[in-house]
Each structure stands twice: as C-alpha cells, then as structure tokens.
Amino acid sequence: NDGKLFLPPGTVPQSGSYSMPIKINVFKTDPTFLYGPSLALTINRVSITSVFMYGHLTSLSTGPILKQTLVPLLGSRYHRSIDRFDSDSTIGYRAHDAVRIFLGFKYQGYRYLEGINYFTITPGMEGVYHSRGRATMDSFGPGLGAGFTIPLHRNLFLLNTLSASFLFGSEKYRVKRHIVFTINPIGYFIPQGQFSGEKFYSITGNGSLALAYYIEKAGLTLALGFRYQAQFYL
C-alpha cells in the first residue's frame, strides 16, 4: 500500500499469521539522472529506434515499531539502494510529415538492496531485528504510440509523443543477512520460500513534450523538454 505497510522477512509469527505488518512512513526516493545510449535508423518512412537508460537511486523510510508494540523503544529504519533499468525499442512509420505511429517493446527492471532495522518489546517478541535482502523485479511487454511534429516557425518545432505498454512482470526476494537478537526467541523464525517468486501485470503510459530547433548547416537538432511516465499495477 504505497510502501506504508509491509511485512519484512522473518517477522511472521510461528502460527503462520500475517497479522503483524510494519507501519512506516512513505519511502522518499532521492531524484537522480538516467543515462544511456540511443540508436536510430531511418529508411524512407520507416524508422527503428532503441533507447537504454540506467540510474541509481536511494530511498529511506522510518517509522514506529510493530503496531502491537506496547512501549516504543526506538524508531525503525528502512533503507533501499535501487538500480533501475529502462529500455524502449520501436519500429515506426511516418504516415504524414507531422504524424508518426509506432509499435514497440519495453523492458523495465529494478534491483533493490534493502536494509531493515527495528527494535521491539512486544510481549513474546522482545528483541532487536536486522535484515538485508535483495529484490529483483523485471517486466517487459508490447506497446504502441504516436508522435507528432508541429512546426512553429522556420526551424523551430514542437515535438510530442504518447504511448502505452502492457507489461508482464516477475519479482523475487532473497534474504542475504538475517540477524535477530531476542530476549524471548519464541516469536521469531525465518519463513522458508517467502517471496521466492511472484507474477504481476502492469499498464504503463508515457508522454513527452519538447521544443526543438533544427540547425540546418550542422544537421543538428537541439531539444528541451520533459517526459512523464505513470505505471499502474493490476
């Protein structure tokens, strides 16, 4: 639920109940740059493009102890080091000087290195908990869209693209380190196979808008704009 409630590995009671979620603040991800190569090939009205981008992000959240904790001892800390991969490959056809339609393939991947620390004196679960895990998320699928080139004045143009993709995804979580210092060890154990593999689907929408100036003598286009992407998990 937007990262506010989740169950870190190793905190499931031996009864098998999942009734003890951690309530934390929203993960705030620091902004970063995405960078990578872009390739394009155009033959008459047909064009093939491929873009790959990579970025590294970090995020941090803090929060109280388990909701059932009677006396909070110290705040909790949840840290994520994130590698993000994003790739778009398309084949397009220029139906008009101002309109281009395209089909494509999109890949999106994340690698989370997550650290969790919290303290609890909940009756039956007194102790200190520390864990590090590695999450792998990959999604890919087809997409389609359209691009528009609107002339404004001589070599000045407005560029706009709109596209949508349907992605098939999978996720795995592997515990790399799990340490529990307990006063009462009865309430802790490491659940085997938790997050060993899950499937999910998502719809992704992309939109970009840029102002471009074509320098004819140099065969060079300068552009300034922005891109927005929204993803909805089904």
Protein backbone atom coordinates (compact mmCIF):
# COMPACT_ATOMS: atom_id res chain seq x y z
CA ASN A 1 0.00 0.00 0.00
CA ASP A 2 2.35 2.70 -1.33
CA GLY A 3 5.10 1.25 0.86
CA LYS A 4 3.32 2.25 4.09
CA LEU A 5 2.53 -1.28 5.22
CA PHE A 6 4.69 -4.29 4.55
CA LEU A 7 5.96 -7.43 6.23
CA PRO A 8 9.74 -7.76 6.39
CA PRO A 9 11.06 -11.32 6.09
CA GLY A 10 11.47 -13.15 9.36
CA THR A 11 8.70 -11.42 11.31
CA VAL A 12 5.88 -13.86 10.66
CA PRO A 13 4.75 -15.49 13.90
CA GLN A 14 5.10 -19.26 14.12
CA SER A 15 1.34 -19.53 13.96
CA GLY A 16 1.61 -18.60 10.29
CA SER A 17 -0.47 -15.45 10.73
CA TYR A 18 0.39 -12.39 8.62
CA SER A 19 -1.38 -10.06 11.04
CA MET A 20 1.69 -8.11 12.15
CA PRO A 21 2.57 -5.59 9.39
CA ILE A 22 5.05 -2.78 9.86
CA LYS A 23 3.54 0.70 9.59
CA ILE A 24 6.14 3.13 8.24
CA ASN A 25 6.41 6.46 6.51
CA VAL A 26 6.32 6.63 2.72
CA PHE A 27 9.62 5.77 1.04
CA LYS A 28 11.07 9.01 -0.31
CA THR A 29 13.36 8.41 -3.25
CA ASP A 30 16.06 10.95 -3.99
CA PRO A 31 16.00 12.28 -7.59
CA THR A 32 18.68 11.09 -9.98
CA PHE A 33 19.72 11.15 -13.64
CA LEU A 34 19.04 8.31 -16.06
CA TYR A 35 21.64 7.89 -18.77
CA GLY A 36 22.48 5.53 -21.62
CA PRO A 37 22.82 5.09 -25.38
CA SER A 38 20.22 5.82 -28.05
CA LEU A 39 20.32 4.30 -31.54
CA ALA A 40 18.19 5.23 -34.56
CA LEU A 41 17.92 4.01 -38.17
CA THR A 42 15.63 5.60 -40.76
CA ILE A 43 14.85 4.23 -44.23
CA ASN A 44 12.35 6.32 -46.17
CA ARG A 45 9.25 6.47 -43.95
CA VAL A 46 10.26 3.60 -41.67
CA SER A 47 12.36 4.18 -38.56
CA ILE A 48 13.84 1.86 -35.93
CA THR A 49 14.92 3.26 -32.57
CA SER A 50 16.27 1.79 -29.37
CA VAL A 51 16.96 3.59 -26.09
CA PHE A 52 18.51 2.12 -22.94
CA MET A 53 18.76 4.02 -19.65
CA TYR A 54 20.24 3.27 -16.25
CA GLY A 55 20.00 5.11 -12.96
CA HIS A 56 20.88 4.57 -9.31
CA LEU A 57 18.54 5.77 -6.57
CA THR A 58 18.38 5.61 -2.81
CA SER A 59 15.37 5.82 -0.54
CA LEU A 60 14.83 5.93 3.18
CA SER A 61 11.84 5.50 5.45
CA THR A 62 11.45 5.48 9.21
CA GLY A 63 8.58 4.54 11.42
CA PRO A 64 7.33 3.15 14.71
CA ILE A 65 7.65 -0.41 15.83
CA LEU A 66 5.09 -3.13 15.16
CA LYS A 67 1.56 -1.81 15.55
CA GLN A 68 1.06 -4.14 18.51
CA THR A 69 4.11 -2.79 20.38
CA LEU A 70 3.07 -1.55 23.80
CA VAL A 71 6.07 0.68 24.54
CA PRO A 72 8.07 2.07 21.58
CA LEU A 73 11.77 1.75 22.34
CA LEU A 74 13.45 3.30 19.31
CA GLY A 75 12.37 4.31 15.81
CA SER A 76 12.80 1.91 12.91
CA ARG A 77 14.91 2.46 9.81
CA TYR A 78 14.34 1.06 6.30
CA HIS A 79 16.88 1.82 3.57
CA ARG A 80 16.87 0.85 -0.12
CA SER A 81 19.65 1.11 -2.68
CA ILE A 82 18.00 0.83 -6.10
CA ASP A 83 19.35 0.17 -9.59
CA ARG A 84 16.86 0.94 -12.32
CA PHE A 85 16.98 -0.23 -15.95
CA ASP A 86 14.67 1.07 -18.66
CA SER A 87 14.68 0.17 -22.35
CA ASP A 88 12.38 1.11 -25.23
CA SER A 89 12.70 -0.26 -28.78
CA THR A 90 10.28 0.76 -31.52
CA ILE A 91 9.60 0.43 -35.22
CA GLY A 92 7.69 3.38 -36.62
CA TYR A 93 6.05 4.57 -39.80
CA ARG A 94 5.69 8.23 -40.78
CA ALA A 95 2.12 8.41 -42.03
CA HIS A 96 2.38 12.19 -42.52
CA ASP A 97 5.08 14.83 -42.19
CA ALA A 98 3.60 15.69 -38.80
CA VAL A 99 2.45 12.24 -37.62
CA ARG A 100 4.37 9.06 -36.84
CA ILE A 101 2.87 5.84 -35.48
CA PHE A 102 4.94 3.08 -33.89
CA LEU A 103 4.92 -0.33 -32.26
CA GLY A 104 7.42 -1.19 -29.61
CA PHE A 105 8.85 -3.41 -26.92
CA LYS A 106 9.53 -2.14 -23.40
CA TYR A 107 11.69 -3.58 -20.63
CA GLN A 108 11.85 -2.24 -17.09
CA GLY A 109 13.91 -3.68 -14.27
CA TYR A 110 14.75 -2.89 -10.65
CA ARG A 111 17.33 -4.27 -8.24
CA TYR A 112 16.67 -3.37 -4.60
CA LEU A 113 19.26 -3.87 -1.89
CA GLU A 114 17.18 -3.40 1.23
CA GLY A 115 18.21 -2.97 4.83
CA ILE A 116 15.76 -3.18 7.74
CA ASN A 117 16.44 -2.41 11.40
CA TYR A 118 13.94 -2.17 14.22
CA PHE A 119 13.52 -2.76 17.94
CA THR A 120 10.53 -4.21 19.71
CA ILE A 121 9.48 -5.10 23.23
CA THR A 122 6.13 -6.51 22.18
CA PRO A 123 5.28 -9.32 24.63
CA GLY A 124 6.52 -12.57 23.11
CA MET A 125 8.73 -10.80 20.53
CA GLU A 126 11.22 -8.81 22.60
CA GLY A 127 14.45 -8.11 20.78
CA VAL A 128 16.41 -6.40 18.03
CA TYR A 129 15.90 -7.24 14.36
CA HIS A 130 18.33 -6.65 11.47
CA SER A 131 17.95 -7.93 7.93
CA ARG A 132 19.33 -7.32 4.45
CA GLY A 133 17.67 -8.61 1.33
CA ARG A 134 17.91 -8.41 -2.43
CA ALA A 135 14.79 -7.90 -4.54
CA THR A 136 14.76 -8.44 -8.30
CA MET A 137 11.91 -7.10 -10.42
CA ASP A 138 11.70 -7.46 -14.20
CA SER A 139 8.83 -6.57 -16.50
CA PHE A 140 8.51 -6.46 -20.28
CA GLY A 141 5.83 -6.31 -22.94
CA PRO A 142 4.49 -4.72 -26.13
CA GLY A 143 3.46 -1.13 -26.63
CA LEU A 144 2.11 1.28 -29.21
CA GLY A 145 2.01 5.01 -29.64
CA ALA A 146 2.13 8.08 -31.85
CA GLY A 147 4.48 11.00 -32.29
CA PHE A 148 3.63 14.48 -33.56
CA THR A 149 5.90 17.14 -35.06
CA ILE A 150 4.28 20.57 -35.11
CA PRO A 151 6.14 23.35 -36.99
CA LEU A 152 6.12 26.67 -35.15
CA HIS A 153 8.48 28.96 -37.06
CA ARG A 154 11.03 28.02 -39.73
CA ASN A 155 13.37 25.57 -37.97
CA LEU A 156 11.50 25.62 -34.65
CA PHE A 157 9.25 22.65 -33.85
CA LEU A 158 7.10 21.26 -31.05
CA LEU A 159 7.59 17.51 -30.51
CA ASN A 160 5.01 15.38 -28.72
CA THR A 161 4.79 11.61 -28.16
CA LEU A 162 2.14 9.50 -26.45
CA SER A 163 2.40 5.76 -25.87
CA ALA A 164 1.15 2.89 -23.72
CA SER A 165 2.56 -0.55 -22.84
CA PHE A 166 1.19 -3.69 -21.24
CA LEU A 167 3.87 -5.38 -19.16
CA PHE A 168 4.31 -8.87 -17.74
CA GLY A 169 6.42 -8.89 -14.60
CA SER A 170 8.05 -11.14 -12.03
CA GLU A 171 9.63 -10.50 -8.64
CA LYS A 172 11.96 -12.43 -6.37
CA TYR A 173 13.29 -11.67 -2.90
CA ARG A 174 16.36 -13.30 -1.38
CA VAL A 175 17.42 -12.78 2.22
CA LYS A 176 21.15 -12.03 2.27
CA ARG A 177 21.58 -11.50 6.02
CA HIS A 178 19.18 -12.08 8.87
CA ILE A 179 20.13 -11.38 12.49
CA VAL A 180 17.76 -11.40 15.44
CA PHE A 181 18.89 -10.65 19.00
CA THR A 182 15.99 -11.72 21.17
CA ILE A 183 15.13 -11.75 24.81
CA ASN A 184 12.23 -14.03 24.03
CA PRO A 185 13.10 -16.02 20.87
CA ILE A 186 9.77 -17.80 20.59
CA GLY A 187 8.18 -15.25 18.29
CA TYR A 188 10.80 -15.22 15.53
CA PHE A 189 11.64 -17.53 12.68
CA ILE A 190 12.67 -17.18 9.04
CA PRO A 191 9.82 -18.28 6.74
CA GLN A 192 11.14 -20.55 4.03
CA GLY A 193 10.28 -19.67 0.45
CA GLN A 194 8.80 -16.26 1.27
CA PHE A 195 8.89 -14.01 -1.83
CA SER A 196 10.56 -16.80 -3.80
CA GLY A 197 8.73 -15.71 -6.95
CA GLU A 198 5.64 -13.70 -7.81
CA LYS A 199 3.99 -12.64 -11.06
CA PHE A 200 2.30 -9.33 -11.76
CA TYR A 201 0.96 -7.23 -14.62
CA SER A 202 1.05 -3.50 -15.21
CA ILE A 203 -0.06 -0.85 -17.67
CA THR A 204 2.43 1.94 -18.38
CA GLY A 205 1.66 5.25 -20.03
CA ASN A 206 4.33 7.61 -21.40
CA GLY A 207 4.12 11.16 -22.61
CA SER A 208 6.78 13.64 -23.70
CA LEU A 209 6.77 17.24 -24.88
CA ALA A 210 9.79 19.12 -26.22
CA LEU A 211 10.70 22.28 -28.05
CA ALA A 212 13.24 21.55 -30.80
CA TYR A 213 15.40 23.74 -33.03
CA TYR A 214 17.00 22.33 -36.17
CA ILE A 215 20.38 23.78 -37.19
CA GLU A 216 20.33 23.05 -40.89
CA LYS A 217 24.00 23.72 -41.70
CA ALA A 218 25.21 21.42 -38.93
CA GLY A 219 22.49 18.78 -39.38
CA LEU A 220 21.88 19.07 -35.64
CA THR A 221 18.69 19.29 -33.59
CA LEU A 222 18.65 20.85 -30.14
CA ALA A 223 15.68 19.97 -27.92
CA LEU A 224 14.49 20.92 -24.45
CA GLY A 225 11.51 19.20 -22.86
CA PHE A 226 10.23 16.69 -20.32
CA ARG A 227 8.84 13.18 -20.10
CA TYR A 228 6.20 11.79 -17.75
CA GLN A 229 5.56 8.10 -17.04
CA ALA A 230 2.79 6.55 -14.96
CA GLN A 231 2.53 2.86 -14.10
CA PHE A 232 -0.49 1.02 -12.73
CA TYR A 233 -0.15 -2.48 -11.28
CA LEU A 234 -3.05 -4.88 -11.84
